[in-house]
PDB file of N, CA and C in Angstrom:
ATOM      1  N   MET A   1     118.033  91.294 116.095  1.00  0.00           N
ATOM      2  CA  MET A   1     119.209  90.964 116.857  1.00  0.00           C
ATOM      3  C   MET A   1     119.578  89.496 116.651  1.00  0.00           C
ATOM      4  N   ALA A   2     118.591  88.629 116.607  1.00  0.00           N
ATOM      5  CA  ALA A   2     118.862  87.205 116.439  1.00  0.00           C
ATOM      6  C   ALA A   2     119.482  86.908 115.080  1.00  0.00           C
ATOM      7  N   LYS A   3     119.165  87.719 114.075  1.00  0.00           N
ATOM      8  CA  LYS A   3     119.708  87.499 112.738  1.00  0.00           C
ATOM      9  C   LYS A   3     121.184  87.836 112.659  1.00  0.00           C
ATOM     10  N   THR A   4     121.654  88.725 113.510  1.00  0.00           N
ATOM     11  CA  THR A   4     123.050  89.148 113.455  1.00  0.00           C
ATOM     12  C   THR A   4     123.923  88.468 114.503  1.00  0.00           C
ATOM     13  N   ASN A   5     123.335  87.718 115.421  1.00  0.00           N
ATOM     14  CA  ASN A   5     124.094  87.054 116.481  1.00  0.00           C
ATOM     15  C   ASN A   5     124.139  85.556 116.192  1.00  0.00           C
ATOM     16  N   ASP A   6     125.325  85.051 115.844  1.00  0.00           N
ATOM     17  CA  ASP A   6     125.477  83.644 115.498  1.00  0.00           C
ATOM     18  C   ASP A   6     125.285  82.716 116.690  1.00  0.00           C
ATOM     19  N   ARG A   7     125.483  83.211 117.890  1.00  0.00           N
ATOM     20  CA  ARG A   7     125.400  82.361 119.083  1.00  0.00           C
ATOM     21  C   ARG A   7     123.973  82.196 119.607  1.00  0.00           C
ATOM     22  N   LEU A   8     123.083  83.056 119.179  1.00  0.00           N
ATOM     23  CA  LEU A   8     121.704  82.991 119.638  1.00  0.00           C
ATOM     24  C   LEU A   8     120.933  81.985 118.797  1.00  0.00           C
ATOM     25  N   GLU A   9     120.287  81.026 119.471  1.00  0.00           N
ATOM     26  CA  GLU A   9     119.515  80.012 118.776  1.00  0.00           C
ATOM     27  C   GLU A   9     118.122  79.942 119.397  1.00  0.00           C
ATOM     28  N   VAL A  10     117.114  80.189 118.591  1.00  0.00           N
ATOM     29  CA  VAL A  10     115.739  80.110 119.062  1.00  0.00           C
ATOM     30  C   VAL A  10     115.275  78.669 118.901  1.00  0.00           C
ATOM     31  N   VAL A  11     114.745  78.103 119.976  1.00  0.00           N
ATOM     32  CA  VAL A  11     114.289  76.714 119.934  1.00  0.00           C
ATOM     33  C   VAL A  11     112.776  76.601 120.111  1.00  0.00           C
ATOM     34  N   GLY A  12     112.127  77.676 120.442  1.00  0.00           N
ATOM     35  CA  GLY A  12     110.676  77.662 120.613  1.00  0.00           C
ATOM     36  C   GLY A  12     110.242  78.908 121.352  1.00  0.00           C
ATOM     37  N   GLY A  13     108.965  78.956 121.631  1.00  0.00           N
ATOM     38  CA  GLY A  13     108.451  80.110 122.341  1.00  0.00           C
ATOM     39  C   GLY A  13     107.005  79.915 122.754  1.00  0.00           C
ATOM     40  N   ILE A  14     106.432  80.949 123.320  1.00  0.00           N
ATOM     41  CA  ILE A  14     105.040  80.922 123.751  1.00  0.00           C
ATOM     42  C   ILE A  14     104.362  82.178 123.212  1.00  0.00           C
ATOM     43  N   MET A  15     103.198  81.976 122.611  1.00  0.00           N
ATOM     44  CA  MET A  15     102.430  83.095 122.094  1.00  0.00           C
ATOM     45  C   MET A  15     100.964  82.875 122.467  1.00  0.00           C
ATOM     46  N   ASN A  16     100.387  83.852 123.144  1.00  0.00           N
ATOM     47  CA  ASN A  16      99.004  83.744 123.626  1.00  0.00           C
ATOM     48  C   ASN A  16      98.779  82.489 124.470  1.00  0.00           C
ATOM     49  N   GLY A  17      99.778  82.134 125.242  1.00  0.00           N
ATOM     50  CA  GLY A  17      99.666  80.993 126.142  1.00  0.00           C
ATOM     51  C   GLY A  17      99.844  79.638 125.480  1.00  0.00           C
ATOM     52  N   LYS A  18     100.192  79.618 124.199  1.00  0.00           N
ATOM     53  CA  LYS A  18     100.386  78.356 123.480  1.00  0.00           C
ATOM     54  C   LYS A  18     101.832  78.239 123.034  1.00  0.00           C
ATOM     55  N   LYS A  19     102.339  77.011 123.049  1.00  0.00           N
ATOM     56  CA  LYS A  19     103.702  76.769 122.593  1.00  0.00           C
ATOM     57  C   LYS A  19     103.765  76.914 121.074  1.00  0.00           C
ATOM     58  N   VAL A  20     104.849  77.518 120.596  1.00  0.00           N
ATOM     59  CA  VAL A  20     105.086  77.631 119.156  1.00  0.00           C
ATOM     60  C   VAL A  20     106.473  77.101 118.837  1.00  0.00           C
ATOM     61  N   ASP A  21     106.610  76.475 117.681  1.00  0.00           N
ATOM     62  CA  ASP A  21     107.900  75.904 117.310  1.00  0.00           C
ATOM     63  C   ASP A  21     108.740  76.915 116.532  1.00  0.00           C
ATOM     64  N   VAL A  22     109.935  76.524 116.188  1.00  0.00           N
ATOM     65  CA  VAL A  22     110.885  77.409 115.528  1.00  0.00           C
ATOM     66  C   VAL A  22     110.347  77.863 114.167  1.00  0.00           C
ATOM     67  N   ASN A  23     109.716  76.971 113.426  1.00  0.00           N
ATOM     68  CA  ASN A  23     109.194  77.333 112.108  1.00  0.00           C
ATOM     69  C   ASN A  23     108.128  78.422 112.209  1.00  0.00           C
ATOM     70  N   THR A  24     107.278  78.340 113.211  1.00  0.00           N
ATOM     71  CA  THR A  24     106.255  79.361 113.417  1.00  0.00           C
ATOM     72  C   THR A  24     106.899  80.700 113.744  1.00  0.00           C
ATOM     73  N   ILE A  25     107.923  80.670 114.566  1.00  0.00           N
ATOM     74  CA  ILE A  25     108.629  81.900 114.929  1.00  0.00           C
ATOM     75  C   ILE A  25     109.294  82.510 113.696  1.00  0.00           C
ATOM     76  N   LYS A  26     109.896  81.675 112.844  1.00  0.00           N
ATOM     77  CA  LYS A  26     110.516  82.182 111.616  1.00  0.00           C
ATOM     78  C   LYS A  26     109.471  82.778 110.681  1.00  0.00           C
ATOM     79  N   ASP A  27     108.318  82.131 110.596  1.00  0.00           N
ATOM     80  CA  ASP A  27     107.237  82.660 109.759  1.00  0.00           C
ATOM     81  C   ASP A  27     106.778  84.021 110.268  1.00  0.00           C
ATOM     82  N   LEU A  28     106.610  84.137 111.575  1.00  0.00           N
ATOM     83  CA  LEU A  28     106.183  85.409 112.161  1.00  0.00           C
ATOM     84  C   LEU A  28     107.231  86.499 111.950  1.00  0.00           C
ATOM     85  N   ALA A  29     108.495  86.122 112.041  1.00  0.00           N
ATOM     86  CA  ALA A  29     109.576  87.093 111.870  1.00  0.00           C
ATOM     87  C   ALA A  29     109.661  87.595 110.433  1.00  0.00           C
ATOM     88  N   SER A  30     109.191  86.796 109.480  1.00  0.00           N
ATOM     89  CA  SER A  30     109.277  87.197 108.077  1.00  0.00           C
ATOM     90  C   SER A  30     108.091  88.053 107.627  1.00  0.00           C
ATOM     91  N   LEU A  31     107.080  88.214 108.481  1.00  0.00           N
ATOM     92  CA  LEU A  31     105.928  89.033 108.124  1.00  0.00           C
ATOM     93  C   LEU A  31     106.320  90.509 108.055  1.00  0.00           C
ATOM     94  N   PRO A  32     105.678  91.279 107.173  1.00  0.00           N
ATOM     95  CA  PRO A  32     105.973  92.714 107.123  1.00  0.00           C
ATOM     96  C   PRO A  32     105.481  93.416 108.381  1.00  0.00           C
ATOM     97  N   SER A  33     106.051  94.574 108.650  1.00  0.00           N
ATOM     98  CA  SER A  33     105.660  95.332 109.836  1.00  0.00           C
ATOM     99  C   SER A  33     104.253  95.895 109.662  1.00  0.00           C
ATOM    100  N   LEU A  34     103.673  96.334 110.750  1.00  0.00           N
ATOM    101  CA  LEU A  34     102.331  96.908 110.718  1.00  0.00           C
ATOM    102  C   LEU A  34     102.301  98.153 109.836  1.00  0.00           C
ATOM    103  N   ASP A  35     103.344  98.965 109.902  1.00  0.00           N
ATOM    104  CA  ASP A  35     103.407 100.165 109.060  1.00  0.00           C
ATOM    105  C   ASP A  35     103.458  99.798 107.573  1.00  0.00           C
ATOM    106  N   GLU A  36     104.217  98.748 107.230  1.00  0.00           N
ATOM    107  CA  GLU A  36     104.272  98.303 105.842  1.00  0.00           C
ATOM    108  C   GLU A  36     102.906  97.823 105.370  1.00  0.00           C
ATOM    109  N   LEU A  37     102.215  97.056 106.205  1.00  0.00           N
ATOM    110  CA  LEU A  37     100.891  96.561 105.846  1.00  0.00           C
ATOM    111  C   LEU A  37      99.897  97.698 105.677  1.00  0.00           C
ATOM    112  N   ARG A  38      99.970  98.687 106.541  1.00  0.00           N
ATOM    113  CA  ARG A  38      99.087  99.856 106.412  1.00  0.00           C
ATOM    114  C   ARG A  38      99.362 100.592 105.110  1.00  0.00           C
ATOM    115  N   GLY A  39     100.632 100.752 104.775  1.00  0.00           N
ATOM    116  CA  GLY A  39     100.994 101.428 103.527  1.00  0.00           C
ATOM    117  C   GLY A  39     100.472 100.687 102.309  1.00  0.00           C
ATOM    118  N   LYS A  40     100.594  99.368 102.319  1.00  0.00           N
ATOM    119  CA  LYS A  40     100.082  98.573 101.205  1.00  0.00           C
ATOM    120  C   LYS A  40      98.569  98.690 101.100  1.00  0.00           C
ATOM    121  N   LEU A  41      97.898  98.679 102.218  1.00  0.00           N
ATOM    122  CA  LEU A  41      96.441  98.795 102.224  1.00  0.00           C
ATOM    123  C   LEU A  41      95.994 100.148 101.671  1.00  0.00           C
ATOM    124  N   VAL A  42      96.651 101.213 102.110  1.00  0.00           N
ATOM    125  CA  VAL A  42      96.316 102.543 101.608  1.00  0.00           C
ATOM    126  C   VAL A  42      96.558 102.604 100.103  1.00  0.00           C
ATOM    127  N   GLY A  43      97.659 102.027  99.648  1.00  0.00           N
ATOM    128  CA  GLY A  43      97.945 102.006  98.212  1.00  0.00           C
ATOM    129  C   GLY A  43      96.891 101.257  97.430  1.00  0.00           C
ATOM    130  N   LEU A  44      96.439 100.127  97.967  1.00  0.00           N
ATOM    131  CA  LEU A  44      95.400  99.357  97.293  1.00  0.00           C
ATOM    132  C   LEU A  44      94.083 100.108  97.237  1.00  0.00           C
ATOM    133  N   LEU A  45      93.787 100.860  98.278  1.00  0.00           N
ATOM    134  CA  LEU A  45      92.534 101.610  98.305  1.00  0.00           C
ATOM    135  C   LEU A  45      92.592 102.834  97.398  1.00  0.00           C
ATOM    136  N   GLN A  46      93.761 103.452  97.275  1.00  0.00           N
ATOM    137  CA  GLN A  46      93.894 104.657  96.470  1.00  0.00           C
ATOM    138  C   GLN A  46      93.941 104.356  94.976  1.00  0.00           C
ATOM    139  N   ALA A  47      94.453 103.220  94.593  1.00  0.00           N
ATOM    140  CA  ALA A  47      94.614 102.896  93.178  1.00  0.00           C
ATOM    141  C   ALA A  47      93.289 102.935  92.416  1.00  0.00           C
ATOM    142  N   PRO A  48      92.237 102.260  92.878  1.00  0.00           N
ATOM    143  CA  PRO A  48      90.968 102.324  92.140  1.00  0.00           C
ATOM    144  C   PRO A  48      90.392 103.738  92.091  1.00  0.00           C
ATOM    145  N   ALA A  49      90.540 104.506  93.153  1.00  0.00           N
ATOM    146  CA  ALA A  49      90.026 105.875  93.168  1.00  0.00           C
ATOM    147  C   ALA A  49      90.745 106.715  92.117  1.00  0.00           C
ATOM    148  N   GLY A  50      92.038 106.545  91.975  1.00  0.00           N
ATOM    149  CA  GLY A  50      92.802 107.276  90.966  1.00  0.00           C
ATOM    150  C   GLY A  50      92.397 106.883  89.559  1.00  0.00           C
ATOM    151  N   GLN A  51      92.130 105.599  89.343  1.00  0.00           N
ATOM    152  CA  GLN A  51      91.699 105.138  88.028  1.00  0.00           C
ATOM    153  C   GLN A  51      90.316 105.696  87.687  1.00  0.00           C
ATOM    154  N   LEU A  52      89.428 105.741  88.679  1.00  0.00           N
ATOM    155  CA  LEU A  52      88.101 106.304  88.447  1.00  0.00           C
ATOM    156  C   LEU A  52      88.182 107.786  88.111  1.00  0.00           C
ATOM    157  N   ALA A  53      89.064 108.507  88.777  1.00  0.00           N
ATOM    158  CA  ALA A  53      89.225 109.936  88.503  1.00  0.00           C
ATOM    159  C   ALA A  53      89.733 110.154  87.080  1.00  0.00           C
ATOM    160  N   ARG A  54      90.679 109.346  86.645  1.00  0.00           N
ATOM    161  CA  ARG A  54      91.185 109.480  85.276  1.00  0.00           C
ATOM    162  C   ARG A  54      90.107 109.137  84.251  1.00  0.00           C
ATOM    163  N   LEU A  55      89.321 108.119  84.544  1.00  0.00           N
ATOM    164  CA  LEU A  55      88.242 107.727  83.645  1.00  0.00           C
ATOM    165  C   LEU A  55      87.206 108.837  83.534  1.00  0.00           C
ATOM    166  N   ALA A  56      86.841 109.429  84.661  1.00  0.00           N
ATOM    167  CA  ALA A  56      85.880 110.534  84.659  1.00  0.00           C
ATOM    168  C   ALA A  56      86.431 111.723  83.876  1.00  0.00           C
ATOM    169  N   LYS A  57      87.708 112.000  84.036  1.00  0.00           N
ATOM    170  CA  LYS A  57      88.331 113.110  83.312  1.00  0.00           C
ATOM    171  C   LYS A  57      88.317 112.837  81.809  1.00  0.00           C
ATOM    172  N   ALA A  58      88.617 111.598  81.424  1.00  0.00           N
ATOM    173  CA  ALA A  58      88.619 111.245  80.002  1.00  0.00           C
ATOM    174  C   ALA A  58      87.230 111.404  79.398  1.00  0.00           C
ATOM    175  N   TYR A  59      86.197 110.953  80.107  1.00  0.00           N
ATOM    176  CA  TYR A  59      84.819 111.115  79.608  1.00  0.00           C
ATOM    177  C   TYR A  59      84.449 112.583  79.511  1.00  0.00           C
ATOM    178  N   SER A  60      84.855 113.364  80.472  1.00  0.00           N
ATOM    179  CA  SER A  60      84.554 114.797  80.476  1.00  0.00           C
ATOM    180  C   SER A  60      85.217 115.479  79.284  1.00  0.00           C
ATOM    181  N   GLU A  61      86.470 115.162  79.041  1.00  0.00           N
ATOM    182  CA  GLU A  61      87.181 115.758  77.913  1.00  0.00           C
ATOM    183  C   GLU A  61      86.587 115.301  76.588  1.00  0.00           C
ATOM    184  N   LYS A  62      86.131 114.068  76.510  1.00  0.00           N
ATOM    185  CA  LYS A  62      85.520 113.546  75.298  1.00  0.00           C
ATOM    186  C   LYS A  62      84.216 114.284  74.997  1.00  0.00           C
ATOM    187  N   GLU A  63      83.418 114.522  76.042  1.00  0.00           N
ATOM    188  CA  GLU A  63      82.150 115.236  75.871  1.00  0.00           C
ATOM    189  C   GLU A  63      82.383 116.686  75.459  1.00  0.00           C
ATOM    190  N   GLN A  64      83.409 117.314  76.018  1.00  0.00           N
ATOM    191  CA  GLN A  64      83.699 118.703  75.677  1.00  0.00           C
ATOM    192  C   GLN A  64      84.188 118.829  74.239  1.00  0.00           C
ATOM    193  N   ALA A  65      84.891 117.824  73.739  1.00  0.00           N
ATOM    194  CA  ALA A  65      85.405 117.855  72.370  1.00  0.00           C
ATOM    195  C   ALA A  65      84.286 117.635  71.358  1.00  0.00           C
ATOM    196  N   ALA A  66      83.224 116.968  71.763  1.00  0.00           N
ATOM    197  CA  ALA A  66      82.121 116.659  70.828  1.00  0.00           C
ATOM    198  C   ALA A  66      81.151 117.772  70.663  1.00  0.00           C
TER     199      ALA A  66
END
């Protein structure tokens, strides 16, 4: 909402009982959502497993051809 409203100006805030400045708020706003982070994590975990499966398949096919 703040990105689309020209009249709204954030000057600071409080997080966990501590004051935060505008730059900190902008940094927090630019972070990906929790769902995006979970998706990236799952992708990172699945990639090596997929590579291992392909490697195992290649070795299996090589042994069968010999």
